């Protein structure tokens, strides 16, 4: 199972044309991952690849829903990369319990759930049924680094 999940991760990574190998940078006085018992909490991830935030701006204004979905996919891949670093393999993920999707959006934008679908698609593509989760999607005024999307995640692990 772990080989297939890690293979699935690599397939999504290739489809996005980004690499999530190596250390993922954070800024601030916090950690990206906290493990407590059989739960792992992943701090909010923006669509950053190396030093570049790849999707910036307000969804529904200068960012389309499709671009925002791509941003959600990048955020989710970052979260999965952090899980893999913490656990050694995505095969140790029992279930994604919850994700929260924050969408920096125009005042009249109401498709936050459609943006969040990008994240949900990645979790299912990589983890199968273990990637099915609860979810909240929220429209916000601004996100760090002008990111279009930010996602945090809670997983049950072995």
N, C-alpha and C. Protein backbone atom coordinates (compact mmCIF):
# COMPACT_ATOMS: atom_id res chain seq x y z
N UNK A 1 0.82 -1.19 0.00
CA UNK A 1 0.00 0.00 0.00
C UNK A 1 0.87 1.26 0.00
N UNK A 2 1.93 1.28 0.81
CA UNK A 2 2.75 2.49 0.88
C UNK A 2 3.41 2.79 -0.46
N UNK A 3 3.82 1.73 -1.18
CA UNK A 3 4.42 1.95 -2.50
C UNK A 3 3.42 2.58 -3.45
N UNK A 4 2.17 2.10 -3.42
CA UNK A 4 1.19 2.64 -4.35
C UNK A 4 0.84 4.08 -3.99
N UNK A 5 0.76 4.42 -2.72
CA UNK A 5 0.49 5.80 -2.32
C UNK A 5 1.65 6.72 -2.70
N UNK A 6 2.85 6.24 -2.46
CA UNK A 6 4.01 7.05 -2.85
C UNK A 6 4.10 7.18 -4.37
N UNK A 7 3.72 6.13 -5.10
CA UNK A 7 3.64 6.19 -6.56
C UNK A 7 2.57 7.19 -6.98
N UNK A 8 1.40 7.13 -6.33
CA UNK A 8 0.32 8.06 -6.63
C UNK A 8 0.76 9.50 -6.39
N UNK A 9 1.49 9.72 -5.30
CA UNK A 9 2.02 11.05 -4.99
C UNK A 9 2.91 11.54 -6.13
N UNK A 10 3.80 10.67 -6.59
CA UNK A 10 4.71 11.02 -7.69
C UNK A 10 3.93 11.32 -8.97
N UNK A 11 2.86 10.59 -9.22
CA UNK A 11 2.05 10.82 -10.42
C UNK A 11 1.37 12.19 -10.37
N UNK A 12 0.82 12.56 -9.21
CA UNK A 12 0.19 13.87 -9.08
C UNK A 12 1.24 14.97 -9.18
N UNK A 13 2.39 14.73 -8.57
CA UNK A 13 3.51 15.68 -8.64
C UNK A 13 3.90 15.94 -10.10
N UNK A 14 3.99 14.87 -10.89
CA UNK A 14 4.35 15.00 -12.30
C UNK A 14 3.25 15.74 -13.07
N UNK A 15 2.00 15.44 -12.77
CA UNK A 15 0.89 16.10 -13.46
C UNK A 15 0.87 17.60 -13.18
N UNK A 16 1.27 17.99 -11.97
CA UNK A 16 1.33 19.42 -11.62
C UNK A 16 2.60 20.09 -12.15
N UNK A 17 3.58 19.28 -12.54
CA UNK A 17 4.87 19.78 -13.04
C UNK A 17 5.66 20.56 -11.99
N UNK A 18 5.53 20.15 -10.73
CA UNK A 18 6.30 20.73 -9.63
C UNK A 18 6.95 19.61 -8.84
N UNK A 19 8.02 19.95 -8.14
CA UNK A 19 8.67 18.99 -7.25
C UNK A 19 8.43 19.40 -5.80
N UNK A 20 8.08 18.42 -4.99
CA UNK A 20 7.87 18.65 -3.57
C UNK A 20 8.92 17.91 -2.75
N UNK A 21 10.07 17.64 -3.37
CA UNK A 21 11.18 16.97 -2.69
C UNK A 21 11.95 17.99 -1.86
N UNK A 22 12.67 17.49 -0.88
CA UNK A 22 13.52 18.36 -0.08
C UNK A 22 12.74 19.06 1.02
N UNK A 23 13.43 19.95 1.71
CA UNK A 23 12.84 20.67 2.84
C UNK A 23 11.85 21.72 2.35
N UNK A 24 10.70 21.75 2.98
CA UNK A 24 9.70 22.76 2.67
C UNK A 24 9.88 23.92 3.65
N UNK A 25 10.06 25.10 3.11
CA UNK A 25 10.38 26.26 3.94
C UNK A 25 9.15 26.81 4.63
N UNK A 26 9.38 27.27 5.86
CA UNK A 26 8.35 27.97 6.62
C UNK A 26 8.95 29.28 7.09
N UNK A 27 8.11 30.17 7.51
CA UNK A 27 8.60 31.43 8.07
C UNK A 27 7.86 31.70 9.36
N UNK A 28 8.59 31.99 10.43
CA UNK A 28 7.94 32.29 11.68
C UNK A 28 8.36 31.34 12.79
N UNK A 29 7.81 31.59 13.94
CA UNK A 29 8.17 30.84 15.14
C UNK A 29 7.12 29.75 15.40
N UNK A 30 7.11 28.77 14.53
CA UNK A 30 6.21 27.63 14.64
C UNK A 30 6.82 26.45 13.90
N UNK A 31 6.15 25.31 13.97
CA UNK A 31 6.60 24.13 13.22
C UNK A 31 5.53 23.75 12.22
N UNK A 32 5.92 23.05 11.19
CA UNK A 32 4.98 22.64 10.14
C UNK A 32 4.16 21.43 10.53
N UNK A 33 4.71 20.60 11.41
CA UNK A 33 4.08 19.34 11.76
C UNK A 33 4.13 19.13 13.26
N UNK A 34 2.99 18.75 13.84
CA UNK A 34 2.94 18.32 15.24
C UNK A 34 2.25 16.97 15.28
N UNK A 35 2.93 16.02 15.89
CA UNK A 35 2.32 14.69 16.06
C UNK A 35 1.93 14.54 17.52
N UNK A 36 0.68 14.14 17.74
CA UNK A 36 0.18 13.92 19.09
C UNK A 36 -0.57 12.59 19.07
N UNK A 37 0.05 11.57 19.64
CA UNK A 37 -0.54 10.24 19.60
C UNK A 37 -0.63 9.76 18.17
N UNK A 38 -1.84 9.38 17.77
CA UNK A 38 -2.01 8.88 16.40
C UNK A 38 -2.57 9.95 15.46
N UNK A 39 -2.43 11.21 15.85
CA UNK A 39 -2.86 12.29 14.98
C UNK A 39 -1.67 13.18 14.61
N UNK A 40 -1.69 13.64 13.36
CA UNK A 40 -0.68 14.59 12.88
C UNK A 40 -1.42 15.83 12.38
N UNK A 41 -0.95 16.97 12.86
CA UNK A 41 -1.51 18.26 12.48
C UNK A 41 -0.50 18.95 11.57
N UNK A 42 -0.96 19.36 10.40
CA UNK A 42 -0.10 20.06 9.43
C UNK A 42 -0.51 21.53 9.41
N UNK A 43 0.46 22.40 9.64
CA UNK A 43 0.20 23.85 9.59
C UNK A 43 -0.29 24.26 8.22
N UNK A 44 -0.90 25.41 8.16
CA UNK A 44 -1.40 25.93 6.89
C UNK A 44 -0.32 26.00 5.83
N UNK A 45 -0.64 25.49 4.65
CA UNK A 45 0.29 25.47 3.52
C UNK A 45 -0.26 26.35 2.40
N UNK A 46 0.59 27.22 1.90
CA UNK A 46 0.22 28.04 0.75
C UNK A 46 0.83 27.41 -0.50
N UNK A 47 0.42 27.83 -1.68
CA UNK A 47 0.92 27.19 -2.91
C UNK A 47 2.33 27.67 -3.26
N UNK A 48 3.27 27.35 -2.40
CA UNK A 48 4.67 27.74 -2.59
C UNK A 48 5.45 26.55 -3.12
N UNK A 49 6.21 26.79 -4.17
CA UNK A 49 7.14 25.80 -4.71
C UNK A 49 8.51 26.46 -4.68
N UNK A 50 9.44 25.83 -3.97
CA UNK A 50 10.74 26.44 -3.70
C UNK A 50 10.50 27.79 -3.02
N UNK A 51 10.93 28.88 -3.61
CA UNK A 51 10.74 30.20 -2.99
C UNK A 51 9.61 31.00 -3.62
N UNK A 52 8.85 30.39 -4.51
CA UNK A 52 7.82 31.13 -5.25
C UNK A 52 6.41 30.68 -4.87
N UNK A 53 5.56 31.66 -4.56
CA UNK A 53 4.14 31.37 -4.40
C UNK A 53 3.56 31.39 -5.81
N UNK A 54 3.10 30.22 -6.26
CA UNK A 54 2.80 30.04 -7.69
C UNK A 54 1.41 30.53 -8.10
N UNK A 55 0.51 30.76 -7.14
CA UNK A 55 -0.80 31.33 -7.47
C UNK A 55 -1.12 32.40 -6.42
N UNK A 56 -1.14 33.65 -6.85
CA UNK A 56 -1.39 34.76 -5.95
C UNK A 56 -2.59 35.58 -6.44
N UNK A 57 -3.20 36.26 -5.50
CA UNK A 57 -4.29 37.17 -5.84
C UNK A 57 -5.64 36.66 -5.37
N UNK A 58 -6.65 37.44 -5.69
CA UNK A 58 -8.03 37.16 -5.26
C UNK A 58 -8.75 36.28 -6.28
N UNK A 59 -9.31 35.19 -5.77
CA UNK A 59 -10.10 34.30 -6.60
C UNK A 59 -11.42 35.01 -6.90
N UNK A 60 -11.81 34.96 -8.16
CA UNK A 60 -13.01 35.66 -8.58
C UNK A 60 -12.72 37.06 -9.08
N UNK A 61 -11.48 37.49 -8.95
CA UNK A 61 -11.04 38.78 -9.51
C UNK A 61 -9.93 38.45 -10.50
N UNK A 62 -8.67 38.45 -10.03
CA UNK A 62 -7.55 38.18 -10.94
C UNK A 62 -7.17 36.69 -11.02
N UNK A 63 -7.80 35.83 -10.22
CA UNK A 63 -7.51 34.39 -10.22
C UNK A 63 -8.80 33.64 -10.56
N UNK A 64 -8.73 32.74 -11.54
CA UNK A 64 -9.90 31.94 -11.92
C UNK A 64 -10.10 30.78 -10.94
N UNK A 65 -11.27 30.18 -10.99
CA UNK A 65 -11.54 29.00 -10.17
C UNK A 65 -10.56 27.88 -10.51
N UNK A 66 -10.27 27.67 -11.79
CA UNK A 66 -9.34 26.61 -12.20
C UNK A 66 -7.94 26.88 -11.63
N UNK A 67 -7.48 28.13 -11.67
CA UNK A 67 -6.17 28.46 -11.10
C UNK A 67 -6.18 28.24 -9.59
N UNK A 68 -7.27 28.59 -8.94
CA UNK A 68 -7.38 28.40 -7.50
C UNK A 68 -7.41 26.91 -7.14
N UNK A 69 -8.04 26.10 -7.98
CA UNK A 69 -8.02 24.65 -7.74
C UNK A 69 -6.60 24.11 -7.86
N UNK A 70 -5.84 24.64 -8.83
CA UNK A 70 -4.43 24.25 -8.95
C UNK A 70 -3.67 24.67 -7.69
N UNK A 71 -3.94 25.86 -7.18
CA UNK A 71 -3.31 26.31 -5.94
C UNK A 71 -3.65 25.36 -4.79
N UNK A 72 -4.91 24.94 -4.70
CA UNK A 72 -5.33 24.00 -3.65
C UNK A 72 -4.60 22.67 -3.78
N UNK A 73 -4.38 22.24 -5.01
CA UNK A 73 -3.63 20.99 -5.24
C UNK A 73 -2.19 21.13 -4.77
N UNK A 74 -1.56 22.25 -5.07
CA UNK A 74 -0.17 22.48 -4.64
C UNK A 74 -0.11 22.52 -3.11
N UNK A 75 -1.03 23.22 -2.48
CA UNK A 75 -1.06 23.27 -1.01
C UNK A 75 -1.18 21.87 -0.42
N UNK A 76 -2.05 21.07 -1.01
CA UNK A 76 -2.30 19.72 -0.51
C UNK A 76 -1.08 18.82 -0.72
N UNK A 77 -0.43 18.97 -1.84
CA UNK A 77 0.80 18.19 -2.07
C UNK A 77 1.88 18.57 -1.07
N UNK A 78 1.97 19.85 -0.73
CA UNK A 78 2.91 20.27 0.32
C UNK A 78 2.57 19.59 1.64
N UNK A 79 1.29 19.56 1.99
CA UNK A 79 0.87 18.92 3.24
C UNK A 79 1.19 17.43 3.22
N UNK A 80 0.94 16.77 2.09
CA UNK A 80 1.27 15.35 1.98
C UNK A 80 2.78 15.12 2.03
N UNK A 81 3.55 16.01 1.43
CA UNK A 81 5.01 15.89 1.50
C UNK A 81 5.49 15.98 2.94
N UNK A 82 4.89 16.88 3.71
CA UNK A 82 5.24 16.99 5.13
C UNK A 82 4.84 15.74 5.90
N UNK A 83 3.67 15.19 5.60
CA UNK A 83 3.26 13.93 6.22
C UNK A 83 4.25 12.82 5.90
N UNK A 84 4.64 12.74 4.65
CA UNK A 84 5.58 11.69 4.23
C UNK A 84 6.92 11.86 4.94
N UNK A 85 7.39 13.10 5.06
CA UNK A 85 8.65 13.35 5.78
C UNK A 85 8.54 12.92 7.24
N UNK A 86 7.41 13.22 7.85
CA UNK A 86 7.20 12.87 9.26
C UNK A 86 7.09 11.37 9.48
N UNK A 87 6.40 10.68 8.57
CA UNK A 87 6.08 9.26 8.75
C UNK A 87 7.02 8.31 8.03
N UNK A 88 7.77 8.81 7.05
CA UNK A 88 8.63 7.95 6.25
C UNK A 88 7.92 7.39 5.02
N UNK A 89 6.59 7.32 5.07
CA UNK A 89 5.81 6.81 3.95
C UNK A 89 4.36 7.23 4.13
N UNK A 90 3.70 7.48 3.03
CA UNK A 90 2.27 7.79 3.10
C UNK A 90 1.44 6.55 3.41
N UNK A 91 2.06 5.37 3.38
CA UNK A 91 1.38 4.14 3.75
C UNK A 91 0.96 4.12 5.21
N UNK A 92 1.52 4.99 6.02
CA UNK A 92 1.17 5.04 7.45
C UNK A 92 -0.01 5.95 7.75
N UNK A 93 -0.56 6.57 6.72
CA UNK A 93 -1.74 7.42 6.91
C UNK A 93 -2.97 6.51 6.96
N UNK A 94 -3.66 6.52 8.09
CA UNK A 94 -4.89 5.74 8.21
C UNK A 94 -6.06 6.46 7.58
N UNK A 95 -6.10 7.78 7.78
CA UNK A 95 -7.22 8.56 7.26
C UNK A 95 -6.92 10.04 7.39
N UNK A 96 -7.31 10.80 6.41
CA UNK A 96 -7.32 12.26 6.54
C UNK A 96 -8.62 12.59 7.26
N UNK A 97 -8.51 13.21 8.42
CA UNK A 97 -9.69 13.48 9.22
C UNK A 97 -10.38 14.77 8.81
N UNK A 98 -9.57 15.81 8.54
CA UNK A 98 -10.16 17.11 8.26
C UNK A 98 -9.18 17.99 7.51
N UNK A 99 -9.73 18.78 6.59
CA UNK A 99 -8.95 19.85 5.99
C UNK A 99 -9.76 21.14 6.12
N UNK A 100 -9.04 22.25 6.19
CA UNK A 100 -9.65 23.57 6.14
C UNK A 100 -9.01 24.29 4.98
N UNK A 101 -9.85 24.84 4.11
CA UNK A 101 -9.40 25.51 2.90
C UNK A 101 -9.79 26.99 3.00
N UNK A 102 -8.78 27.84 3.02
CA UNK A 102 -8.99 29.28 3.08
C UNK A 102 -8.76 29.83 1.67
N UNK A 103 -9.71 30.60 1.17
CA UNK A 103 -9.64 31.14 -0.19
C UNK A 103 -9.65 32.66 -0.10
N UNK A 104 -8.56 33.29 -0.57
CA UNK A 104 -8.54 34.75 -0.66
C UNK A 104 -9.40 35.11 -1.87
N UNK A 105 -10.51 35.78 -1.62
CA UNK A 105 -11.44 35.94 -2.74
C UNK A 105 -12.07 37.32 -2.81
N UNK A 106 -12.63 37.57 -3.98
CA UNK A 106 -13.38 38.80 -4.22
C UNK A 106 -14.62 38.80 -3.33
N UNK A 107 -15.13 39.98 -3.08
CA UNK A 107 -16.24 40.16 -2.15
C UNK A 107 -17.47 39.32 -2.52
N UNK A 108 -17.77 39.21 -3.80
CA UNK A 108 -18.97 38.50 -4.23
C UNK A 108 -18.72 37.04 -4.63
N UNK A 109 -17.52 36.53 -4.39
CA UNK A 109 -17.17 35.15 -4.78
C UNK A 109 -17.81 34.16 -3.81
N UNK A 110 -18.46 33.13 -4.34
CA UNK A 110 -19.15 32.15 -3.49
C UNK A 110 -18.79 30.70 -3.82
N UNK A 111 -17.71 30.48 -4.58
CA UNK A 111 -17.36 29.12 -5.00
C UNK A 111 -16.17 28.56 -4.22
N UNK A 112 -16.10 28.87 -2.93
CA UNK A 112 -15.01 28.35 -2.11
C UNK A 112 -14.99 26.82 -2.11
N UNK A 113 -16.16 26.22 -2.10
CA UNK A 113 -16.23 24.76 -2.10
C UNK A 113 -15.67 24.16 -3.39
N UNK A 114 -15.90 24.82 -4.51
CA UNK A 114 -15.35 24.34 -5.78
C UNK A 114 -13.83 24.44 -5.79
N UNK A 115 -13.29 25.49 -5.17
CA UNK A 115 -11.84 25.61 -5.03
C UNK A 115 -11.31 24.46 -4.18
N UNK A 116 -12.00 24.18 -3.08
CA UNK A 116 -11.58 23.11 -2.17
C UNK A 116 -11.61 21.74 -2.84
N UNK A 117 -12.44 21.60 -3.87
CA UNK A 117 -12.49 20.32 -4.60
C UNK A 117 -11.11 19.93 -5.14
N UNK A 118 -10.28 20.91 -5.49
CA UNK A 118 -8.93 20.60 -5.96
C UNK A 118 -8.13 19.84 -4.91
N UNK A 119 -8.25 20.27 -3.66
CA UNK A 119 -7.56 19.59 -2.56
C UNK A 119 -8.12 18.19 -2.34
N UNK A 120 -9.44 18.08 -2.34
CA UNK A 120 -10.08 16.78 -2.12
C UNK A 120 -9.71 15.79 -3.22
N UNK A 121 -9.61 16.26 -4.46
CA UNK A 121 -9.21 15.39 -5.56
C UNK A 121 -7.82 14.81 -5.35
N UNK A 122 -6.90 15.65 -4.90
CA UNK A 122 -5.52 15.18 -4.66
C UNK A 122 -5.50 14.15 -3.54
N UNK A 123 -6.20 14.43 -2.45
CA UNK A 123 -6.18 13.49 -1.32
C UNK A 123 -6.73 12.13 -1.74
N UNK A 124 -7.80 12.11 -2.53
CA UNK A 124 -8.35 10.84 -2.98
C UNK A 124 -7.43 10.17 -4.00
N UNK A 125 -6.85 10.95 -4.90
CA UNK A 125 -5.95 10.38 -5.92
C UNK A 125 -4.74 9.72 -5.28
N UNK A 126 -4.21 10.31 -4.22
CA UNK A 126 -3.00 9.77 -3.58
C UNK A 126 -3.34 8.68 -2.57
N UNK A 127 -4.37 8.89 -1.75
CA UNK A 127 -4.62 8.00 -0.61
C UNK A 127 -5.83 7.08 -0.77
N UNK A 128 -6.58 7.23 -1.85
CA UNK A 128 -7.79 6.42 -2.01
C UNK A 128 -8.80 6.73 -0.92
N UNK A 129 -9.48 5.71 -0.41
CA UNK A 129 -10.51 5.92 0.60
C UNK A 129 -9.98 6.58 1.87
N UNK A 130 -8.72 6.39 2.19
CA UNK A 130 -8.13 7.03 3.37
C UNK A 130 -8.02 8.54 3.19
N UNK A 131 -8.16 9.02 1.96
CA UNK A 131 -8.10 10.45 1.69
C UNK A 131 -9.45 11.14 1.78
N UNK A 132 -10.53 10.38 1.96
CA UNK A 132 -11.86 10.97 2.11
C UNK A 132 -11.93 11.60 3.50
N UNK A 133 -12.41 12.83 3.60
CA UNK A 133 -12.23 13.64 4.80
C UNK A 133 -13.43 14.55 5.04
N UNK A 134 -13.45 15.17 6.22
CA UNK A 134 -14.36 16.28 6.44
C UNK A 134 -13.64 17.53 5.98
N UNK A 135 -14.44 18.58 5.69
CA UNK A 135 -13.82 19.76 5.08
C UNK A 135 -14.62 21.01 5.40
N UNK A 136 -13.89 22.09 5.60
CA UNK A 136 -14.50 23.41 5.69
C UNK A 136 -13.78 24.30 4.70
N UNK A 137 -14.54 25.08 3.93
CA UNK A 137 -13.94 26.04 3.01
C UNK A 137 -14.48 27.42 3.36
N UNK A 138 -13.55 28.38 3.44
CA UNK A 138 -13.87 29.70 3.94
C UNK A 138 -13.28 30.76 3.02
N UNK A 139 -14.04 31.78 2.72
CA UNK A 139 -13.53 32.93 1.98
C UNK A 139 -12.95 33.94 2.96
N UNK A 140 -11.74 34.43 2.65
CA UNK A 140 -11.06 35.38 3.52
C UNK A 140 -10.60 36.59 2.72
N UNK A 141 -10.31 37.67 3.44
CA UNK A 141 -9.89 38.91 2.80
C UNK A 141 -8.46 38.83 2.28
N UNK A 142 -7.55 38.22 3.06
CA UNK A 142 -6.15 38.17 2.66
C UNK A 142 -5.48 36.94 3.26
N UNK A 143 -4.43 36.46 2.58
CA UNK A 143 -3.62 35.34 3.06
C UNK A 143 -2.15 35.72 2.99
N UNK A 144 -1.29 35.01 3.73
CA UNK A 144 0.14 35.31 3.71
C UNK A 144 0.71 35.29 2.29
N UNK A 145 1.60 36.22 2.01
CA UNK A 145 2.31 36.30 0.72
C UNK A 145 1.37 36.50 -0.46
N UNK A 146 0.16 36.98 -0.18
CA UNK A 146 -0.86 37.18 -1.22
C UNK A 146 -1.28 35.87 -1.88
N UNK A 147 -1.09 34.75 -1.17
CA UNK A 147 -1.48 33.44 -1.71
C UNK A 147 -2.98 33.41 -1.96
N UNK A 148 -3.38 32.75 -3.03
CA UNK A 148 -4.80 32.62 -3.36
C UNK A 148 -5.50 31.63 -2.43
N UNK A 149 -4.76 30.63 -1.93
CA UNK A 149 -5.34 29.55 -1.13
C UNK A 149 -4.36 29.16 -0.03
N UNK A 150 -4.89 28.74 1.11
CA UNK A 150 -4.10 28.14 2.18
C UNK A 150 -4.89 26.97 2.73
N UNK A 151 -4.20 25.88 3.03
CA UNK A 151 -4.85 24.66 3.50
C UNK A 151 -4.12 24.10 4.71
N UNK A 152 -4.89 23.72 5.73
CA UNK A 152 -4.30 22.94 6.83
C UNK A 152 -5.00 21.58 6.87
N UNK A 153 -4.41 20.64 7.62
CA UNK A 153 -4.84 19.25 7.52
C UNK A 153 -4.60 18.53 8.83
N UNK A 154 -5.49 17.61 9.17
CA UNK A 154 -5.32 16.72 10.32
C UNK A 154 -5.46 15.29 9.81
N UNK A 155 -4.50 14.43 10.19
CA UNK A 155 -4.50 13.04 9.73
C UNK A 155 -4.39 12.08 10.90
N UNK A 156 -5.04 10.94 10.78
CA UNK A 156 -4.85 9.82 11.71
C UNK A 156 -3.79 8.92 11.09
N UNK A 157 -2.81 8.50 11.92
CA UNK A 157 -1.67 7.74 11.40
C UNK A 157 -1.35 6.56 12.33
N UNK A 158 -0.51 5.66 11.79
CA UNK A 158 -0.03 4.55 12.62
C UNK A 158 1.39 4.83 13.05
